[in-house]
Full PDB file with SEQRES, HELIX, SHEET, SSBOND, CRYST1, ORIGX, SCALE, CONECT and MASTER records, all heavy atoms in Angstrom:
SEQRES   1 A   32  GLU LEU TRP GLU SER VAL ARG SER PHE ILE ALA THR GLY          
SEQRES   2 A   32  GLY ASN VAL LEU TYR VAL VAL ALA PHE ALA LEU LEU LEU          
SEQRES   3 A   32  MET TRP ILE MET MET ILE                                      
HELIX    1 AA1 LEU A    2  GLY A   13  1                                  12    
HELIX    2 AA2 VAL A   16  MET A   31  1                                  16    
CRYST1    1.000    1.000    1.000  90.00  90.00  90.00 P 1           1          
ORIGX1      1.000000  0.000000  0.000000        0.00000                         
ORIGX2      0.000000  1.000000  0.000000        0.00000                         
ORIGX3      0.000000  0.000000  1.000000        0.00000                         
SCALE1      1.000000  0.000000  0.000000        0.00000                         
SCALE2      0.000000  1.000000  0.000000        0.00000                         
SCALE3      0.000000  0.000000  1.000000        0.00000                         
ATOM      1  N   GLU A   1      -4.992 -35.730   2.607  1.00  0.00           N  
ATOM      2  CA  GLU A   1      -6.184 -34.966   2.258  1.00  0.00           C  
ATOM      3  C   GLU A   1      -5.829 -33.745   1.405  1.00  0.00           C  
ATOM      4  O   GLU A   1      -6.534 -33.417   0.457  1.00  0.00           O  
ATOM      5  CB  GLU A   1      -6.917 -34.526   3.526  1.00  0.00           C  
ATOM      6  CG  GLU A   1      -7.591 -35.658   4.259  1.00  0.00           C  
ATOM      7  CD  GLU A   1      -8.207 -35.198   5.571  1.00  0.00           C  
ATOM      8  OE1 GLU A   1      -8.122 -33.995   5.896  1.00  0.00           O  
ATOM      9  OE2 GLU A   1      -8.768 -36.056   6.275  1.00  0.00           O  
ATOM     10  N   LEU A   2      -4.729 -33.096   1.745  1.00  0.00           N  
ATOM     11  CA  LEU A   2      -4.273 -31.945   0.961  1.00  0.00           C  
ATOM     12  C   LEU A   2      -3.934 -32.366  -0.459  1.00  0.00           C  
ATOM     13  O   LEU A   2      -4.325 -31.719  -1.427  1.00  0.00           O  
ATOM     14  CB  LEU A   2      -3.069 -31.291   1.641  1.00  0.00           C  
ATOM     15  CG  LEU A   2      -2.481 -30.077   0.936  1.00  0.00           C  
ATOM     16  CD1 LEU A   2      -3.485 -28.925   0.957  1.00  0.00           C  
ATOM     17  CD2 LEU A   2      -1.190 -29.661   1.612  1.00  0.00           C  
ATOM     18  N   TRP A   3      -3.213 -33.480  -0.591  1.00  0.00           N  
ATOM     19  CA  TRP A   3      -2.841 -33.979  -1.917  1.00  0.00           C  
ATOM     20  C   TRP A   3      -4.085 -34.344  -2.734  1.00  0.00           C  
ATOM     21  O   TRP A   3      -4.156 -34.060  -3.917  1.00  0.00           O  
ATOM     22  CB  TRP A   3      -1.911 -35.177  -1.794  1.00  0.00           C  
ATOM     23  CG  TRP A   3      -1.595 -35.801  -3.115  1.00  0.00           C  
ATOM     24  CD1 TRP A   3      -1.976 -37.017  -3.560  1.00  0.00           C  
ATOM     25  CD2 TRP A   3      -0.842 -35.213  -4.182  1.00  0.00           C  
ATOM     26  NE1 TRP A   3      -1.510 -37.238  -4.831  1.00  0.00           N  
ATOM     27  CE2 TRP A   3      -0.803 -36.123  -5.244  1.00  0.00           C  
ATOM     28  CE3 TRP A   3      -0.199 -33.986  -4.350  1.00  0.00           C  
ATOM     29  CZ2 TRP A   3      -0.155 -35.864  -6.442  1.00  0.00           C  
ATOM     30  CZ3 TRP A   3       0.456 -33.735  -5.545  1.00  0.00           C  
ATOM     31  CH2 TRP A   3       0.467 -34.673  -6.562  1.00  0.00           C  
ATOM     32  N   GLU A   4      -5.056 -34.952  -2.096  1.00  0.00           N  
ATOM     33  CA  GLU A   4      -6.292 -35.318  -2.796  1.00  0.00           C  
ATOM     34  C   GLU A   4      -7.062 -34.085  -3.255  1.00  0.00           C  
ATOM     35  O   GLU A   4      -7.633 -34.072  -4.341  1.00  0.00           O  
ATOM     36  CB  GLU A   4      -7.174 -36.215  -1.921  1.00  0.00           C  
ATOM     37  CG  GLU A   4      -6.665 -37.631  -1.793  1.00  0.00           C  
ATOM     38  CD  GLU A   4      -6.513 -38.334  -3.138  1.00  0.00           C  
ATOM     39  OE1 GLU A   4      -7.401 -38.199  -4.007  1.00  0.00           O  
ATOM     40  OE2 GLU A   4      -5.478 -39.003  -3.330  1.00  0.00           O  
ATOM     41  N   SER A   5      -7.078 -33.045  -2.439  1.00  0.00           N  
ATOM     42  CA  SER A   5      -7.773 -31.821  -2.853  1.00  0.00           C  
ATOM     43  C   SER A   5      -7.031 -31.149  -4.013  1.00  0.00           C  
ATOM     44  O   SER A   5      -7.671 -30.612  -4.924  1.00  0.00           O  
ATOM     45  CB  SER A   5      -7.949 -30.864  -1.683  1.00  0.00           C  
ATOM     46  OG  SER A   5      -6.701 -30.399  -1.224  1.00  0.00           O  
ATOM     47  N   VAL A   6      -5.713 -31.194  -4.011  1.00  0.00           N  
ATOM     48  CA  VAL A   6      -4.939 -30.648  -5.132  1.00  0.00           C  
ATOM     49  C   VAL A   6      -5.201 -31.458  -6.392  1.00  0.00           C  
ATOM     50  O   VAL A   6      -5.403 -30.900  -7.477  1.00  0.00           O  
ATOM     51  CB  VAL A   6      -3.424 -30.606  -4.787  1.00  0.00           C  
ATOM     52  CG1 VAL A   6      -2.576 -30.320  -6.017  1.00  0.00           C  
ATOM     53  CG2 VAL A   6      -3.153 -29.570  -3.706  1.00  0.00           C  
ATOM     54  N   ARG A   7      -5.207 -32.768  -6.275  1.00  0.00           N  
ATOM     55  CA  ARG A   7      -5.488 -33.621  -7.447  1.00  0.00           C  
ATOM     56  C   ARG A   7      -6.893 -33.367  -7.990  1.00  0.00           C  
ATOM     57  O   ARG A   7      -7.103 -33.342  -9.198  1.00  0.00           O  
ATOM     58  CB  ARG A   7      -5.320 -35.094  -7.085  1.00  0.00           C  
ATOM     59  CG  ARG A   7      -3.883 -35.539  -7.048  1.00  0.00           C  
ATOM     60  CD  ARG A   7      -3.744 -36.983  -6.635  1.00  0.00           C  
ATOM     61  NE  ARG A   7      -4.852 -37.813  -7.089  1.00  0.00           N  
ATOM     62  CZ  ARG A   7      -4.717 -38.946  -7.748  1.00  0.00           C  
ATOM     63  NH1 ARG A   7      -3.520 -39.381  -8.021  1.00  0.00           N  
ATOM     64  NH2 ARG A   7      -5.763 -39.656  -8.100  1.00  0.00           N  
ATOM     65  N   SER A   8      -7.842 -33.185  -7.091  1.00  0.00           N  
ATOM     66  CA  SER A   8      -9.211 -32.893  -7.519  1.00  0.00           C  
ATOM     67  C   SER A   8      -9.280 -31.549  -8.233  1.00  0.00           C  
ATOM     68  O   SER A   8      -9.952 -31.412  -9.255  1.00  0.00           O  
ATOM     69  CB  SER A   8     -10.130 -32.895  -6.302  1.00  0.00           C  
ATOM     70  OG  SER A   8     -11.399 -32.423  -6.639  1.00  0.00           O  
ATOM     71  N   PHE A   9      -8.564 -30.563  -7.714  1.00  0.00           N  
ATOM     72  CA  PHE A   9      -8.520 -29.243  -8.343  1.00  0.00           C  
ATOM     73  C   PHE A   9      -7.909 -29.333  -9.736  1.00  0.00           C  
ATOM     74  O   PHE A   9      -8.432 -28.753 -10.692  1.00  0.00           O  
ATOM     75  CB  PHE A   9      -7.717 -28.281  -7.457  1.00  0.00           C  
ATOM     76  CG  PHE A   9      -7.641 -26.884  -7.984  1.00  0.00           C  
ATOM     77  CD1 PHE A   9      -8.758 -26.065  -7.966  1.00  0.00           C  
ATOM     78  CD2 PHE A   9      -6.451 -26.378  -8.478  1.00  0.00           C  
ATOM     79  CE1 PHE A   9      -8.688 -24.768  -8.436  1.00  0.00           C  
ATOM     80  CE2 PHE A   9      -6.376 -25.087  -8.955  1.00  0.00           C  
ATOM     81  CZ  PHE A   9      -7.493 -24.274  -8.935  1.00  0.00           C  
ATOM     82  N   ILE A  10      -6.824 -30.073  -9.879  1.00  0.00           N  
ATOM     83  CA  ILE A  10      -6.171 -30.225 -11.183  1.00  0.00           C  
ATOM     84  C   ILE A  10      -7.063 -31.006 -12.139  1.00  0.00           C  
ATOM     85  O   ILE A  10      -7.161 -30.675 -13.323  1.00  0.00           O  
ATOM     86  CB  ILE A  10      -4.787 -30.871 -11.024  1.00  0.00           C  
ATOM     87  CG1 ILE A  10      -3.837 -29.853 -10.372  1.00  0.00           C  
ATOM     88  CG2 ILE A  10      -4.224 -31.334 -12.362  1.00  0.00           C  
ATOM     89  CD1 ILE A  10      -2.468 -30.372 -10.048  1.00  0.00           C  
ATOM     90  N   ALA A  11      -7.759 -32.012 -11.635  1.00  0.00           N  
ATOM     91  CA  ALA A  11      -8.673 -32.767 -12.493  1.00  0.00           C  
ATOM     92  C   ALA A  11      -9.810 -31.881 -12.981  1.00  0.00           C  
ATOM     93  O   ALA A  11     -10.245 -32.004 -14.129  1.00  0.00           O  
ATOM     94  CB  ALA A  11      -9.225 -33.971 -11.735  1.00  0.00           C  
ATOM     95  N   THR A  12     -10.260 -30.965 -12.138  1.00  0.00           N  
ATOM     96  CA  THR A  12     -11.329 -30.058 -12.532  1.00  0.00           C  
ATOM     97  C   THR A  12     -10.829 -29.018 -13.530  1.00  0.00           C  
ATOM     98  O   THR A  12     -11.546 -28.633 -14.447  1.00  0.00           O  
ATOM     99  CB  THR A  12     -11.907 -29.338 -11.300  1.00  0.00           C  
ATOM    100  OG1 THR A  12     -12.295 -30.319 -10.343  1.00  0.00           O  
ATOM    101  CG2 THR A  12     -13.106 -28.490 -11.660  1.00  0.00           C  
ATOM    102  N   GLY A  13      -9.583 -28.561 -13.356  1.00  0.00           N  
ATOM    103  CA  GLY A  13      -9.054 -27.495 -14.193  1.00  0.00           C  
ATOM    104  C   GLY A  13      -8.278 -27.938 -15.407  1.00  0.00           C  
ATOM    105  O   GLY A  13      -7.999 -27.136 -16.286  1.00  0.00           O  
ATOM    106  N   GLY A  14      -7.874 -29.180 -15.459  1.00  0.00           N  
ATOM    107  CA  GLY A  14      -7.152 -29.668 -16.626  1.00  0.00           C  
ATOM    108  C   GLY A  14      -5.641 -29.665 -16.429  1.00  0.00           C  
ATOM    109  O   GLY A  14      -5.106 -29.146 -15.454  1.00  0.00           O  
ATOM    110  N   ASN A  15      -4.972 -30.252 -17.402  1.00  0.00           N  
ATOM    111  CA  ASN A  15      -3.522 -30.429 -17.310  1.00  0.00           C  
ATOM    112  C   ASN A  15      -2.738 -29.121 -17.414  1.00  0.00           C  
ATOM    113  O   ASN A  15      -1.569 -29.087 -17.054  1.00  0.00           O  
ATOM    114  CB  ASN A  15      -3.046 -31.393 -18.398  1.00  0.00           C  
ATOM    115  CG  ASN A  15      -3.489 -32.809 -18.113  1.00  0.00           C  
ATOM    116  OD1 ASN A  15      -3.683 -33.180 -16.962  1.00  0.00           O  
ATOM    117  ND2 ASN A  15      -3.656 -33.587 -19.164  1.00  0.00           N  
ATOM    118  N   VAL A  16      -3.366 -28.061 -17.875  1.00  0.00           N  
ATOM    119  CA  VAL A  16      -2.678 -26.771 -17.956  1.00  0.00           C  
ATOM    120  C   VAL A  16      -2.272 -26.293 -16.561  1.00  0.00           C  
ATOM    121  O   VAL A  16      -1.298 -25.566 -16.407  1.00  0.00           O  
ATOM    122  CB  VAL A  16      -3.570 -25.741 -18.688  1.00  0.00           C  
ATOM    123  CG1 VAL A  16      -2.966 -24.363 -18.669  1.00  0.00           C  
ATOM    124  CG2 VAL A  16      -3.809 -26.187 -20.111  1.00  0.00           C  
ATOM    125  N   LEU A  17      -2.991 -26.746 -15.547  1.00  0.00           N  
ATOM    126  CA  LEU A  17      -2.648 -26.344 -14.178  1.00  0.00           C  
ATOM    127  C   LEU A  17      -1.276 -26.851 -13.764  1.00  0.00           C  
ATOM    128  O   LEU A  17      -0.621 -26.234 -12.920  1.00  0.00           O  
ATOM    129  CB  LEU A  17      -3.722 -26.825 -13.196  1.00  0.00           C  
ATOM    130  CG  LEU A  17      -5.053 -26.102 -13.291  1.00  0.00           C  
ATOM    131  CD1 LEU A  17      -6.037 -26.670 -12.288  1.00  0.00           C  
ATOM    132  CD2 LEU A  17      -4.892 -24.617 -13.079  1.00  0.00           C  
ATOM    133  N   TYR A  18      -0.811 -27.944 -14.343  1.00  0.00           N  
ATOM    134  CA  TYR A  18       0.555 -28.407 -14.069  1.00  0.00           C  
ATOM    135  C   TYR A  18       1.569 -27.380 -14.567  1.00  0.00           C  
ATOM    136  O   TYR A  18       2.579 -27.116 -13.914  1.00  0.00           O  
ATOM    137  CB  TYR A  18       0.828 -29.756 -14.730  1.00  0.00           C  
ATOM    138  CG  TYR A  18       0.146 -30.922 -14.061  1.00  0.00           C  
ATOM    139  CD1 TYR A  18      -0.819 -31.661 -14.732  1.00  0.00           C  
ATOM    140  CD2 TYR A  18       0.475 -31.294 -12.765  1.00  0.00           C  
ATOM    141  CE1 TYR A  18      -1.444 -32.733 -14.125  1.00  0.00           C  
ATOM    142  CE2 TYR A  18      -0.148 -32.367 -12.138  1.00  0.00           C  
ATOM    143  CZ  TYR A  18      -1.103 -33.082 -12.822  1.00  0.00           C  
ATOM    144  OH  TYR A  18      -1.716 -34.144 -12.216  1.00  0.00           O  
ATOM    145  N   VAL A  19       1.301 -26.792 -15.714  1.00  0.00           N  
ATOM    146  CA  VAL A  19       2.202 -25.782 -16.270  1.00  0.00           C  
ATOM    147  C   VAL A  19       2.176 -24.527 -15.403  1.00  0.00           C  
ATOM    148  O   VAL A  19       3.219 -23.928 -15.128  1.00  0.00           O  
ATOM    149  CB  VAL A  19       1.835 -25.466 -17.739  1.00  0.00           C  
ATOM    150  CG1 VAL A  19       2.770 -24.429 -18.323  1.00  0.00           C  
ATOM    151  CG2 VAL A  19       1.832 -26.727 -18.584  1.00  0.00           C  
ATOM    152  N   VAL A  20       0.985 -24.123 -14.958  1.00  0.00           N  
ATOM    153  CA  VAL A  20       0.874 -22.966 -14.057  1.00  0.00           C  
ATOM    154  C   VAL A  20       1.644 -23.253 -12.769  1.00  0.00           C  
ATOM    155  O   VAL A  20       2.393 -22.391 -12.278  1.00  0.00           O  
ATOM    156  CB  VAL A  20      -0.603 -22.634 -13.746  1.00  0.00           C  
ATOM    157  CG1 VAL A  20      -0.709 -21.571 -12.656  1.00  0.00           C  
ATOM    158  CG2 VAL A  20      -1.333 -22.180 -14.996  1.00  0.00           C  
ATOM    159  N   ALA A  21       1.483 -24.436 -12.224  1.00  0.00           N  
ATOM    160  CA  ALA A  21       2.177 -24.798 -10.985  1.00  0.00           C  
ATOM    161  C   ALA A  21       3.683 -24.801 -11.182  1.00  0.00           C  
ATOM    162  O   ALA A  21       4.436 -24.330 -10.315  1.00  0.00           O  
ATOM    163  CB  ALA A  21       1.699 -26.167 -10.497  1.00  0.00           C  
ATOM    164  N   PHE A  22       4.146 -25.305 -12.315  1.00  0.00           N  
ATOM    165  CA  PHE A  22       5.588 -25.321 -12.585  1.00  0.00           C  
ATOM    166  C   PHE A  22       6.129 -23.897 -12.697  1.00  0.00           C  
ATOM    167  O   PHE A  22       7.171 -23.576 -12.126  1.00  0.00           O  
ATOM    168  CB  PHE A  22       5.885 -26.110 -13.871  1.00  0.00           C  
ATOM    169  CG  PHE A  22       7.332 -26.091 -14.245  1.00  0.00           C  
ATOM    170  CD1 PHE A  22       8.255 -26.840 -13.537  1.00  0.00           C  
ATOM    171  CD2 PHE A  22       7.773 -25.302 -15.301  1.00  0.00           C  
ATOM    172  CE1 PHE A  22       9.597 -26.815 -13.870  1.00  0.00           C  
ATOM    173  CE2 PHE A  22       9.110 -25.273 -15.647  1.00  0.00           C  
ATOM    174  CZ  PHE A  22      10.024 -26.028 -14.930  1.00  0.00           C  
ATOM    175  N   ALA A  23       5.415 -23.020 -13.422  1.00  0.00           N  
ATOM    176  CA  ALA A  23       5.844 -21.622 -13.560  1.00  0.00           C  
ATOM    177  C   ALA A  23       5.862 -20.932 -12.200  1.00  0.00           C  
ATOM    178  O   ALA A  23       6.789 -20.184 -11.881  1.00  0.00           O  
ATOM    179  CB  ALA A  23       4.943 -20.883 -14.536  1.00  0.00           C  
ATOM    180  N   LEU A  24       4.834 -21.193 -11.387  1.00  0.00           N  
ATOM    181  CA  LEU A  24       4.760 -20.604 -10.051  1.00  0.00           C  
ATOM    182  C   LEU A  24       5.904 -21.091  -9.173  1.00  0.00           C  
ATOM    183  O   LEU A  24       6.559 -20.297  -8.483  1.00  0.00           O  
ATOM    184  CB  LEU A  24       3.411 -20.949  -9.410  1.00  0.00           C  
ATOM    185  CG  LEU A  24       3.141 -20.378  -8.026  1.00  0.00           C  
ATOM    186  CD1 LEU A  24       3.063 -18.859  -8.081  1.00  0.00           C  
ATOM    187  CD2 LEU A  24       1.847 -20.948  -7.477  1.00  0.00           C  
ATOM    188  N   LEU A  25       6.182 -22.379  -9.198  1.00  0.00           N  
ATOM    189  CA  LEU A  25       7.270 -22.941  -8.403  1.00  0.00           C  
ATOM    190  C   LEU A  25       8.619 -22.353  -8.824  1.00  0.00           C  
ATOM    191  O   LEU A  25       9.417 -21.933  -7.981  1.00  0.00           O  
ATOM    192  CB  LEU A  25       7.290 -24.465  -8.542  1.00  0.00           C  
ATOM    193  CG  LEU A  25       8.396 -25.197  -7.789  1.00  0.00           C  
ATOM    194  CD1 LEU A  25       8.162 -25.087  -6.284  1.00  0.00           C  
ATOM    195  CD2 LEU A  25       8.448 -26.650  -8.211  1.00  0.00           C  
ATOM    196  N   LEU A  26       8.855 -22.295 -10.113  1.00  0.00           N  
ATOM    197  CA  LEU A  26      10.107 -21.742 -10.626  1.00  0.00           C  
ATOM    198  C   LEU A  26      10.249 -20.269 -10.239  1.00  0.00           C  
ATOM    199  O   LEU A  26      11.319 -19.825  -9.798  1.00  0.00           O  
ATOM    200  CB  LEU A  26      10.153 -21.918 -12.146  1.00  0.00           C  
ATOM    201  CG  LEU A  26      11.446 -21.582 -12.848  1.00  0.00           C  
ATOM    202  CD1 LEU A  26      12.570 -22.477 -12.357  1.00  0.00           C  
ATOM    203  CD2 LEU A  26      11.263 -21.748 -14.354  1.00  0.00           C  
ATOM    204  N   MET A  27       9.165 -19.518 -10.369  1.00  0.00           N  
ATOM    205  CA  MET A  27       9.180 -18.102 -10.020  1.00  0.00           C  
ATOM    206  C   MET A  27       9.515 -17.906  -8.542  1.00  0.00           C  
ATOM    207  O   MET A  27      10.361 -17.085  -8.187  1.00  0.00           O  
ATOM    208  CB  MET A  27       7.817 -17.488 -10.345  1.00  0.00           C  
ATOM    209  CG  MET A  27       7.657 -16.045  -9.953  1.00  0.00           C  
ATOM    210  SD  MET A  27       6.039 -15.383 -10.395  1.00  0.00           S  
ATOM    211  CE  MET A  27       4.936 -16.329  -9.361  1.00  0.00           C  
ATOM    212  N   TRP A  28       8.889 -18.696  -7.672  1.00  0.00           N  
ATOM    213  CA  TRP A  28       9.128 -18.532  -6.241  1.00  0.00           C  
ATOM    214  C   TRP A  28      10.516 -19.012  -5.829  1.00  0.00           C  
ATOM    215  O   TRP A  28      11.126 -18.437  -4.921  1.00  0.00           O  
ATOM    216  CB  TRP A  28       8.030 -19.223  -5.435  1.00  0.00           C  
ATOM    217  CG  TRP A  28       6.897 -18.280  -5.243  1.00  0.00           C  
ATOM    218  CD1 TRP A  28       5.733 -18.243  -5.949  1.00  0.00           C  
ATOM    219  CD2 TRP A  28       6.848 -17.197  -4.329  1.00  0.00           C  
ATOM    220  NE1 TRP A  28       4.955 -17.198  -5.519  1.00  0.00           N  
ATOM    221  CE2 TRP A  28       5.619 -16.539  -4.529  1.00  0.00           C  
ATOM    222  CE3 TRP A  28       7.721 -16.700  -3.370  1.00  0.00           C  
ATOM    223  CZ2 TRP A  28       5.244 -15.420  -3.786  1.00  0.00           C  
ATOM    224  CZ3 TRP A  28       7.342 -15.583  -2.634  1.00  0.00           C  
ATOM    225  CH2 TRP A  28       6.125 -14.961  -2.841  1.00  0.00           C  
ATOM    226  N   ILE A  29      11.021 -20.041  -6.467  1.00  0.00           N  
ATOM    227  CA  ILE A  29      12.394 -20.475  -6.171  1.00  0.00           C  
ATOM    228  C   ILE A  29      13.372 -19.353  -6.512  1.00  0.00           C  
ATOM    229  O   ILE A  29      14.280 -19.043  -5.736  1.00  0.00           O  
ATOM    230  CB  ILE A  29      12.736 -21.774  -6.931  1.00  0.00           C  
ATOM    231  CG1 ILE A  29      12.010 -22.960  -6.298  1.00  0.00           C  
ATOM    232  CG2 ILE A  29      14.239 -22.022  -6.947  1.00  0.00           C  
ATOM    233  CD1 ILE A  29      12.115 -24.252  -7.087  1.00  0.00           C  
ATOM    234  N   MET A  30      13.166 -18.725  -7.664  1.00  0.00           N  
ATOM    235  CA  MET A  30      14.057 -17.637  -8.061  1.00  0.00           C  
ATOM    236  C   MET A  30      13.916 -16.426  -7.145  1.00  0.00           C  
ATOM    237  O   MET A  30      14.916 -15.780  -6.810  1.00  0.00           O  
ATOM    238  CB  MET A  30      13.779 -17.231  -9.508  1.00  0.00           C  
ATOM    239  CG  MET A  30      14.259 -18.222 -10.507  1.00  0.00           C  
ATOM    240  SD  MET A  30      13.953 -17.582 -12.157  1.00  0.00           S  
ATOM    241  CE  MET A  30      14.534 -18.944 -13.130  1.00  0.00           C  
ATOM    242  N   MET A  31      12.691 -16.100  -6.736  1.00  0.00           N  
ATOM    243  CA  MET A  31      12.511 -14.952  -5.846  1.00  0.00           C  
ATOM    244  C   MET A  31      13.124 -15.213  -4.475  1.00  0.00           C  
ATOM    245  O   MET A  31      13.759 -14.325  -3.900  1.00  0.00           O  
ATOM    246  CB  MET A  31      11.032 -14.589  -5.722  1.00  0.00           C  
ATOM    247  CG  MET A  31      10.507 -13.867  -6.935  1.00  0.00           C  
ATOM    248  SD  MET A  31       8.925 -13.039  -6.703  1.00  0.00           S  
ATOM    249  CE  MET A  31       7.819 -14.403  -6.474  1.00  0.00           C  
ATOM    250  N   ILE A  32      12.972 -16.407  -3.949  1.00  0.00           N  
ATOM    251  CA  ILE A  32      13.577 -16.740  -2.654  1.00  0.00           C  
ATOM    252  C   ILE A  32      15.094 -16.681  -2.757  1.00  0.00           C  
ATOM    253  O   ILE A  32      15.766 -16.160  -1.860  1.00  0.00           O  
ATOM    254  CB  ILE A  32      13.079 -18.118  -2.164  1.00  0.00           C  
ATOM    255  CG1 ILE A  32      11.609 -18.021  -1.762  1.00  0.00           C  
ATOM    256  CG2 ILE A  32      13.930 -18.629  -1.009  1.00  0.00           C  
ATOM    257  CD1 ILE A  32      10.943 -19.360  -1.520  1.00  0.00           C  
TER     258      ILE A  32                                                      
MASTER        0    0    0    2    0    0    0    6  257    1    0    3          
END                                                                             
């Protein structure tokens, strides 16, 4: 259900959200 809600959010917001998610993931990996 969580994955489906994320996919729905990305479908609503467009493929740019993948880039935002990648930047966020990279940022948090570096901060941790």
